[in-house]
C-alpha atoms as a PDB file:
ATOM      1  CA  MET A   1     -27.499  17.133  40.314  1.00  0.00           C
ATOM      2  CA  ALA A   2     -24.454  15.265  38.665  1.00  0.00           C
ATOM      3  CA  ASN A   3     -22.388  17.646  36.118  1.00  0.00           C
ATOM      4  CA  PRO A   4     -21.706  15.945  32.575  1.00  0.00           C
ATOM      5  CA  GLY A   5     -17.815  16.061  32.430  1.00  0.00           C
ATOM      6  CA  TYR A   6     -17.597  16.379  28.749  1.00  0.00           C
ATOM      7  CA  LYS A   7     -19.123  19.889  29.146  1.00  0.00           C
ATOM      8  CA  GLY A   8     -15.923  20.981  31.267  1.00  0.00           C
ATOM      9  CA  LYS A   9     -13.225  23.154  29.807  1.00  0.00           C
ATOM     10  CA  VAL A  10     -10.178  25.075  30.934  1.00  0.00           C
ATOM     11  CA  VAL A  11     -10.272  28.825  29.409  1.00  0.00           C
ATOM     12  CA  LYS A  12      -7.356  31.307  29.760  1.00  0.00           C
ATOM     13  CA  GLY A  13      -9.088  34.726  29.040  1.00  0.00           C
ATOM     14  CA  SER A  14     -11.549  33.881  26.185  1.00  0.00           C
ATOM     15  CA  THR A  15      -9.219  31.250  24.822  1.00  0.00           C
ATOM     16  CA  ILE A  16     -10.011  27.606  25.246  1.00  0.00           C
ATOM     17  CA  ILE A  17      -6.834  25.346  25.858  1.00  0.00           C
ATOM     18  CA  LEU A  18      -7.513  22.577  23.312  1.00  0.00           C
ATOM     19  CA  GLY A  19      -7.126  18.914  24.237  1.00  0.00           C
ATOM     20  CA  MET A  20      -7.780  19.344  28.031  1.00  0.00           C
ATOM     21  CA  ALA A  21      -9.425  16.225  29.536  1.00  0.00           C
ATOM     22  CA  GLU A  22      -9.077  16.660  33.544  1.00  0.00           C
ATOM     23  CA  TRP A  23      -8.279  19.258  36.114  1.00  0.00           C
ATOM     24  CA  SER A  24      -8.072  19.002  39.663  1.00  0.00           C
ATOM     25  CA  TYR A  25      -7.795  21.654  42.519  1.00  0.00           C
ATOM     26  CA  SER A  26      -6.670  20.451  45.898  1.00  0.00           C
ATOM     27  CA  GLY A  27      -8.701  23.114  47.856  1.00  0.00           C
ATOM     28  CA  GLU A  28      -7.871  25.713  50.473  1.00  0.00           C
ATOM     29  CA  THR A  29      -5.686  24.674  53.505  1.00  0.00           C
ATOM     30  CA  ALA A  30      -5.716  26.151  57.118  1.00  0.00           C
ATOM     31  CA  ASN A  31      -2.079  26.461  58.470  1.00  0.00           C
ATOM     32  CA  MET A  32      -2.408  25.603  62.292  1.00  0.00           C
ATOM     33  CA  GLU A  33       0.052  26.736  65.266  1.00  0.00           C
ATOM     34  CA  ALA A  34       0.203  24.825  68.610  1.00  0.00           C
ATOM     35  CA  MET A  35      -0.929  27.238  71.026  1.00  0.00           C
ATOM     36  CA  ASN A  36      -0.490  26.378  75.251  1.00  0.00           C
ATOM     37  CA  ARG A  37      -0.063  28.422  78.222  1.00  0.00           C
ATOM     38  CA  PHE A  38       0.726  27.802  81.601  1.00  0.00           C
ATOM     39  CA  GLY A  39      -1.625  25.284  83.056  1.00  0.00           C
ATOM     40  CA  ASP A  40      -2.945  23.887  79.954  1.00  0.00           C
ATOM     41  CA  GLN A  41      -2.983  19.994  80.079  1.00  0.00           C
ATOM     42  CA  TYR A  42      -3.780  20.110  76.253  1.00  0.00           C
ATOM     43  CA  ILE A  43      -1.962  21.977  73.039  1.00  0.00           C
ATOM     44  CA  ARG A  44      -4.660  23.749  71.250  1.00  0.00           C
ATOM     45  CA  GLN A  45      -4.548  23.928  67.533  1.00  0.00           C
ATOM     46  CA  GLU A  46      -5.485  27.484  66.087  1.00  0.00           C
ATOM     47  CA  ASN A  47      -5.852  28.485  62.648  1.00  0.00           C
ATOM     48  CA  THR A  48      -3.437  31.338  61.893  1.00  0.00           C
ATOM     49  CA  THR A  49      -3.400  31.736  58.082  1.00  0.00           C
ATOM     50  CA  LEU A  50      -5.284  30.247  54.808  1.00  0.00           C
ATOM     51  CA  GLU A  51      -3.323  28.867  51.886  1.00  0.00           C
ATOM     52  CA  GLY A  52      -4.621  28.477  48.297  1.00  0.00           C
ATOM     53  CA  GLY A  53      -4.455  25.035  46.716  1.00  0.00           C
ATOM     54  CA  GLU A  54      -2.680  23.360  43.945  1.00  0.00           C
ATOM     55  CA  ILE A  55      -4.180  22.980  40.586  1.00  0.00           C
ATOM     56  CA  THR A  56      -3.279  20.266  38.130  1.00  0.00           C
ATOM     57  CA  VAL A  57      -4.499  20.184  34.132  1.00  0.00           C
ATOM     58  CA  SER A  58      -3.888  17.278  31.850  1.00  0.00           C
ATOM     59  CA  GLY A  59      -4.804  16.193  28.201  1.00  0.00           C
ATOM     60  CA  ASP A  60      -3.811  15.598  24.922  1.00  0.00           C
ATOM     61  CA  PHE A  61      -0.889  17.729  23.592  1.00  0.00           C
ATOM     62  CA  VAL A  62      -2.294  19.833  20.788  1.00  0.00           C
ATOM     63  CA  VAL A  63       0.788  21.271  18.821  1.00  0.00           C
ATOM     64  CA  GLY A  64       0.592  24.862  18.039  1.00  0.00           C
ATOM     65  CA  ASP A  65      -2.147  25.515  20.693  1.00  0.00           C
ATOM     66  CA  ALA A  66      -2.869  29.154  21.521  1.00  0.00           C
ATOM     67  CA  GLY A  67      -4.006  28.394  24.956  1.00  0.00           C
ATOM     68  CA  LEU A  68      -0.754  26.431  25.914  1.00  0.00           C
ATOM     69  CA  ALA A  69       1.065  29.275  24.355  1.00  0.00           C
ATOM     70  CA  LEU A  70      -0.655  31.529  27.045  1.00  0.00           C
ATOM     71  CA  ILE A  71       0.184  29.394  29.851  1.00  0.00           C
ATOM     72  CA  GLN A  72       3.879  29.092  28.942  1.00  0.00           C
ATOM     73  CA  ALA A  73       4.370  32.762  28.537  1.00  0.00           C
ATOM     74  CA  ALA A  74       2.293  33.422  31.981  1.00  0.00           C
ATOM     75  CA  PHE A  75       5.306  30.916  33.379  1.00  0.00           C
ATOM     76  CA  ASP A  76       8.013  32.419  31.760  1.00  0.00           C
ATOM     77  CA  ALA A  77       6.740  36.112  32.877  1.00  0.00           C
ATOM     78  CA  GLY A  78       5.538  34.911  36.342  1.00  0.00           C
ATOM     79  CA  THR A  79       2.350  36.477  35.726  1.00  0.00           C
ATOM     80  CA  HIS A  80      -0.528  36.524  38.324  1.00  0.00           C
ATOM     81  CA  LEU A  81      -3.472  35.460  36.298  1.00  0.00           C
ATOM     82  CA  THR A  82      -6.943  36.186  37.190  1.00  0.00           C
ATOM     83  CA  ASP A  83      -8.327  34.984  33.946  1.00  0.00           C
ATOM     84  CA  LEU A  84      -7.719  31.191  34.289  1.00  0.00           C
ATOM     85  CA  TYR A  85     -11.311  29.397  34.354  1.00  0.00           C
ATOM     86  CA  LEU A  86     -11.910  26.036  35.206  1.00  0.00           C
ATOM     87  CA  TYR A  87     -15.308  24.869  34.028  1.00  0.00           C
ATOM     88  CA  ILE A  88     -17.310  21.834  35.497  1.00  0.00           C
ATOM     89  CA  ASN A  89     -20.035  22.206  32.792  1.00  0.00           C
ATOM     90  CA  ALA A  90     -21.030  24.591  30.012  1.00  0.00           C
ATOM     91  CA  VAL A  91     -21.488  27.348  32.665  1.00  0.00           C
ATOM     92  CA  ASP A  92     -20.179  27.087  35.886  1.00  0.00           C
ATOM     93  CA  TYR A  93     -16.698  27.329  36.633  1.00  0.00           C
ATOM     94  CA  PHE A  94     -13.746  28.092  39.207  1.00  0.00           C
ATOM     95  CA  ALA A  95     -11.970  31.433  39.031  1.00  0.00           C
ATOM     96  CA  PRO A  96      -9.695  33.193  41.341  1.00  0.00           C
ATOM     97  CA  ASP A  97     -12.278  35.141  43.707  1.00  0.00           C
ATOM     98  CA  PRO A  98     -12.118  38.905  42.900  1.00  0.00           C
ATOM     99  CA  THR A  99     -13.696  39.665  46.364  1.00  0.00           C
ATOM    100  CA  THR A 100     -10.993  38.246  48.401  1.00  0.00           C
ATOM    101  CA  VAL A 101      -7.998  41.079  48.403  1.00  0.00           C
ATOM    102  CA  LEU A 102      -4.815  40.103  49.737  1.00  0.00           C
ATOM    103  CA  GLU A 103      -3.710  41.720  52.821  1.00  0.00           C
ATOM    104  CA  ASP A 104      -0.299  43.233  51.141  1.00  0.00           C
ATOM    105  CA  SER A 105      -2.228  44.915  48.324  1.00  0.00           C
ATOM    106  CA  THR A 106      -4.891  47.262  47.793  1.00  0.00           C
ATOM    107  CA  VAL A 107      -5.972  46.313  44.418  1.00  0.00           C
ATOM    108  CA  GLU A 108      -4.764  42.879  43.731  1.00  0.00           C
ATOM    109  CA  ALA A 109      -7.377  40.036  44.650  1.00  0.00           C
ATOM    110  CA  SER A 110      -6.914  36.330  44.308  1.00  0.00           C
ATOM    111  CA  TYR A 111      -4.698  35.079  41.443  1.00  0.00           C
ATOM    112  CA  ILE A 112      -3.114  32.050  40.056  1.00  0.00           C
ATOM    113  CA  THR A 113       0.551  31.611  39.492  1.00  0.00           C
ATOM    114  CA  ILE A 114       1.881  28.731  37.016  1.00  0.00           C
ATOM    115  CA  THR A 115       4.340  26.325  38.771  1.00  0.00           C
ATOM    116  CA  LYS A 116       4.769  24.057  36.011  1.00  0.00           C
ATOM    117  CA  PRO A 117       4.732  25.056  32.417  1.00  0.00           C
ATOM    118  CA  PRO A 118       2.948  22.675  29.792  1.00  0.00           C
ATOM    119  CA  THR A 119       6.517  21.387  28.752  1.00  0.00           C
ATOM    120  CA  ALA A 120       5.815  18.001  30.750  1.00  0.00           C
ATOM    121  CA  VAL A 121       4.885  15.877  27.841  1.00  0.00           C
ATOM    122  CA  THR A 122       4.124  12.150  27.584  1.00  0.00           C
ATOM    123  CA  GLN A 123       4.181  10.315  24.233  1.00  0.00           C
ATOM    124  CA  GLY A 124       2.947   6.572  24.230  1.00  0.00           C
ATOM    125  CA  ALA A 125       2.693   3.798  21.547  1.00  0.00           C
ATOM    126  CA  SER A 126      -0.725   4.890  20.904  1.00  0.00           C
ATOM    127  CA  GLY A 127       0.549   7.936  19.098  1.00  0.00           C
ATOM    128  CA  ILE A 128      -1.454  10.391  21.297  1.00  0.00           C
ATOM    129  CA  ALA A 129       0.966  12.801  23.329  1.00  0.00           C
ATOM    130  CA  ARG A 130      -0.206  13.708  26.820  1.00  0.00           C
ATOM    131  CA  VAL A 131       0.678  17.065  28.432  1.00  0.00           C
ATOM    132  CA  GLU A 132       0.132  18.462  31.833  1.00  0.00           C
ATOM    133  CA  PHE A 133       0.807  21.803  33.829  1.00  0.00           C
ATOM    134  CA  SER A 134       0.290  22.777  37.150  1.00  0.00           C
ATOM    135  CA  ALA A 135      -0.325  26.106  39.202  1.00  0.00           C
ATOM    136  CA  LYS A 136      -0.850  27.520  42.728  1.00  0.00           C
ATOM    137  CA  VAL A 137      -3.525  29.899  44.031  1.00  0.00           C
ATOM    138  CA  SER A 138      -2.960  32.793  46.044  1.00  0.00           C
ATOM    139  CA  GLY A 139      -6.206  33.600  47.773  1.00  0.00           C
ATOM    140  CA  ALA A 140      -9.152  31.572  47.230  1.00  0.00           C
ATOM    141  CA  LEU A 141     -11.227  30.003  44.088  1.00  0.00           C
ATOM    142  CA  LYS A 142     -14.618  30.915  43.599  1.00  0.00           C
ATOM    143  CA  LEU A 143     -17.607  28.799  41.905  1.00  0.00           C
ATOM    144  CA  MET A 144     -18.805  31.506  39.181  1.00  0.00           C
ATOM    145  CA  ASP A 145     -21.889  31.100  36.816  1.00  0.00           C
ATOM    146  CA  ALA A 146     -21.136  32.588  33.335  1.00  0.00           C
ATOM    147  CA  SER A 147     -24.878  33.222  32.819  1.00  0.00           C
ATOM    148  CA  GLU A 148     -25.005  35.361  35.734  1.00  0.00           C
ATOM    149  CA  GLU A 149     -21.607  37.028  36.220  1.00  0.00           C
ATOM    150  CA  ILE A 150     -20.263  40.202  34.707  1.00  0.00           C
ATOM    151  CA  ILE A 151     -16.427  39.294  33.368  1.00  0.00           C
ATOM    152  CA  ILE A 152     -14.245  41.738  31.744  1.00  0.00           C
ATOM    153  CA  THR A 153     -10.385  41.406  31.446  1.00  0.00           C
ATOM    154  CA  THR A 154      -7.792  44.408  30.849  1.00  0.00           C
ATOM    155  CA  LEU A 155      -5.711  43.358  27.687  1.00  0.00           C
ATOM    156  CA  GLY A 156      -3.245  46.253  27.311  1.00  0.00           C
ATOM    157  CA  ARG A 157      -2.895  49.698  25.919  1.00  0.00           C
ATOM    158  CA  SER A 158      -1.237  51.389  23.018  1.00  0.00           C
ATOM    159  CA  ALA A 159      -0.136  55.035  22.330  1.00  0.00           C
ATOM    160  CA  ASP A 160      -0.200  56.505  18.909  1.00  0.00           C
ATOM    161  CA  ARG A 161       0.590  60.323  20.363  1.00  0.00           C
ATOM    162  CA  PRO A 162       3.135  61.354  23.289  1.00  0.00           C
ATOM    163  CA  SER A 163       0.322  61.862  25.715  1.00  0.00           C
ATOM    164  CA  ASP A 164      -2.497  59.883  24.368  1.00  0.00           C
ATOM    165  CA  VAL A 165      -3.042  56.375  25.629  1.00  0.00           C
ATOM    166  CA  ILE A 166      -5.627  53.878  23.980  1.00  0.00           C
ATOM    167  CA  PHE A 167      -6.911  51.377  27.085  1.00  0.00           C
ATOM    168  CA  ILE A 168      -8.241  48.053  25.639  1.00  0.00           C
ATOM    169  CA  ALA A 169     -10.141  45.318  27.496  1.00  0.00           C
ATOM    170  CA  GLN A 170     -12.470  42.612  26.491  1.00  0.00           C
ATOM    171  CA  LEU A 171     -16.013  42.107  27.730  1.00  0.00           C
ATOM    172  CA  ILE A 172     -16.631  38.371  27.972  1.00  0.00           C
ATOM    173  CA  SER A 173     -19.812  38.341  29.850  1.00  0.00           C
ATOM    174  CA  VAL A 174     -22.598  40.875  31.003  1.00  0.00           C
ATOM    175  CA  GLY A 175     -24.213  37.983  33.072  1.00  0.00           C
ATOM    176  CA  GLY A 176     -27.751  38.588  33.790  1.00  0.00           C
ATOM    177  CA  GLU A 177     -27.793  42.206  33.024  1.00  0.00           C
ATOM    178  CA  SER A 178     -29.039  43.917  30.008  1.00  0.00           C
ATOM    179  CA  ASP A 179     -25.846  46.224  29.646  1.00  0.00           C
ATOM    180  CA  VAL A 180     -22.985  47.533  31.713  1.00  0.00           C
ATOM    181  CA  ASP A 181     -20.934  50.733  32.037  1.00  0.00           C
ATOM    182  CA  ILE A 182     -17.079  50.545  31.370  1.00  0.00           C
ATOM    183  CA  SER A 183     -14.402  53.000  32.139  1.00  0.00           C
ATOM    184  CA  PHE A 184     -10.498  52.326  33.127  1.00  0.00           C
ATOM    185  CA  GLN A 185      -9.003  53.323  36.067  1.00  0.00           C
ATOM    186  CA  TYR A 186      -5.263  54.088  36.171  1.00  0.00           C
ATOM    187  CA  GLY A 187      -2.345  55.793  38.192  1.00  0.00           C
ATOM    188  CA  ASP A 188       1.231  55.958  38.558  1.00  0.00           C
ATOM    189  CA  GLU A 189       1.759  53.548  41.481  1.00  0.00           C
ATOM    190  CA  GLU A 190       0.439  49.966  41.777  1.00  0.00           C
ATOM    191  CA  GLY A 191      -2.187  50.619  44.722  1.00  0.00           C
ATOM    192  CA  LEU A 192      -3.099  54.227  43.707  1.00  0.00           C
ATOM    193  CA  LEU A 193      -5.277  54.099  40.555  1.00  0.00           C
ATOM    194  CA  GLU A 194      -6.755  57.379  41.685  1.00  0.00           C
ATOM    195  CA  SER A 195      -7.582  58.587  37.938  1.00  0.00           C
ATOM    196  CA  GLU A 196     -10.629  57.233  35.778  1.00  0.00           C
ATOM    197  CA  THR A 197     -11.706  57.950  32.269  1.00  0.00           C
ATOM    198  CA  GLU A 198     -15.343  58.666  31.259  1.00  0.00           C
ATOM    199  CA  VAL A 199     -17.680  56.174  31.248  1.00  0.00           C
ATOM    200  CA  ILE A 200     -18.569  54.105  28.277  1.00  0.00           C
ATOM    201  CA  ALA A 201     -22.148  53.726  28.975  1.00  0.00           C
ATOM    202  CA  SER A 202     -24.696  51.019  28.276  1.00  0.00           C
ATOM    203  CA  VAL A 203     -22.492  48.534  26.557  1.00  0.00           C
ATOM    204  CA  SER A 204     -24.140  45.387  25.776  1.00  0.00           C
ATOM    205  CA  ASP A 205     -22.228  43.898  22.722  1.00  0.00           C
ATOM    206  CA  LEU A 206     -19.381  41.369  23.997  1.00  0.00           C
ATOM    207  CA  GLY A 207     -15.875  41.819  22.648  1.00  0.00           C
ATOM    208  CA  ILE A 208     -13.096  44.267  22.464  1.00  0.00           C
ATOM    209  CA  ILE A 209     -13.630  47.674  24.266  1.00  0.00           C
ATOM    210  CA  ALA A 210     -10.974  50.478  23.632  1.00  0.00           C
ATOM    211  CA  PHE A 211     -10.976  54.124  24.977  1.00  0.00           C
ATOM    212  CA  ARG A 212      -8.713  56.859  24.017  1.00  0.00           C
ATOM    213  CA  GLN A 213      -7.551  59.141  27.164  1.00  0.00           C
ATOM    214  CA  SER A 214      -5.601  62.122  26.479  1.00  0.00           C
ATOM    215  CA  ASP A 215      -3.126  64.199  28.649  1.00  0.00           C
ATOM    216  CA  ILE A 216      -1.454  61.525  30.393  1.00  0.00           C
ATOM    217  CA  VAL A 217       1.974  62.284  31.538  1.00  0.00           C
ATOM    218  CA  VAL A 218       2.869  59.691  34.154  1.00  0.00           C
ATOM    219  CA  SER A 219       5.049  56.872  33.233  1.00  0.00           C
ATOM    220  CA  PRO A 220       4.984  53.879  33.832  1.00  0.00           C
ATOM    221  CA  ILE A 221       1.454  53.718  34.194  1.00  0.00           C
ATOM    222  CA  TRP A 222      -0.836  51.220  35.932  1.00  0.00           C
ATOM    223  CA  TYR A 223      -4.221  50.579  34.877  1.00  0.00           C
ATOM    224  CA  ARG A 224      -7.497  48.005  34.865  1.00  0.00           C
ATOM    225  CA  ALA A 225     -10.804  48.014  33.415  1.00  0.00           C
ATOM    226  CA  LYS A 226     -13.897  48.832  35.496  1.00  0.00           C
ATOM    227  CA  ALA A 227     -17.631  47.284  34.331  1.00  0.00           C
ATOM    228  CA  VAL A 228     -20.598  48.648  36.234  1.00  0.00           C
ATOM    229  CA  SER A 229     -23.965  47.184  35.901  1.00  0.00           C
ATOM    230  CA  ALA A 230     -26.203  50.020  34.607  1.00  0.00           C
ATOM    231  CA  ASN A 231     -29.123  48.743  37.090  1.00  0.00           C
ATOM    232  CA  ASP A 232     -27.113  48.205  40.032  1.00  0.00           C
ATOM    233  CA  ALA A 233     -23.955  50.611  40.570  1.00  0.00           C
ATOM    234  CA  THR A 234     -23.104  48.308  43.581  1.00  0.00           C
ATOM    235  CA  ASP A 235     -22.330  45.604  41.193  1.00  0.00           C
ATOM    236  CA  ILE A 236     -18.763  46.405  39.941  1.00  0.00           C
ATOM    237  CA  VAL A 237     -16.194  43.829  38.619  1.00  0.00           C
ATOM    238  CA  TYR A 238     -12.733  44.722  37.893  1.00  0.00           C
ATOM    239  CA  GLY A 239     -10.286  43.275  35.097  1.00  0.00           C
ATOM    240  CA  LYS A 240      -6.778  42.601  36.061  1.00  0.00           C
ATOM    241  CA  VAL A 241      -4.371  45.221  36.824  1.00  0.00           C
ATOM    242  CA  LEU A 242      -1.479  45.744  34.238  1.00  0.00           C
ATOM    243  CA  SER A 243       1.508  48.166  33.851  1.00  0.00           C
ATOM    244  CA  ASP A 244       3.990  49.151  31.195  1.00  0.00           C
ATOM    245  CA  ALA A 245       6.522  46.612  32.886  1.00  0.00           C
ATOM    246  CA  ILE A 246       4.717  43.775  34.070  1.00  0.00           C
ATOM    247  CA  THR A 247       1.180  42.037  34.667  1.00  0.00           C
ATOM    248  CA  LEU A 248       0.089  42.335  38.280  1.00  0.00           C
ATOM    249  CA  SER A 249      -2.821  40.224  38.407  1.00  0.00           C
END
């Protein structure tokens, strides 16, 4: 069954990027290496590594759009995005595959990096300005179903006392679950999120989730949100990893 294109969209986190009319993904490619040995008449091509593809998004330029501002900020900071969603209809979308953990990291899955910010603007005689931005995938994209997937994103943290930290996340979807259990993992190294807050049990309402954790003495601190299906403890979803200084994923 064909997908009605008018129901597509491009979303950063929970913010729709207004005016977008087209997106494309070039797909993954295999890096090949020629292999030959003594006695071989033909050179063999072997698949050595996989490379994520290029994303291009274009549409009408909406002055002051919050979504475009988020893309520009991600380019300026070199952010590793795990929450850029490319919808093909009202519920199905492509996103960085959270199950593909990159070889040089124990916590970071596939991500998207903005390679050309939305500063490429074309103005025509029609009076409708067009804008385009591009991105590169590290890892792979995966086709998701927003009506079935648990989706949570780490938003940040605040502190109103020297040793107290308030972790903040946003629960975007519980998928097909009635509710989920939410907690936050944290630590003093990027790949070692060894500590975990108490669980906020049986969350069903979408929106902002906050949890105060006392007696934290490490600095800088690395952290991420964690959501677990209340019905299936093996169904675990993580938000992006953040630190005091930079966004990691």
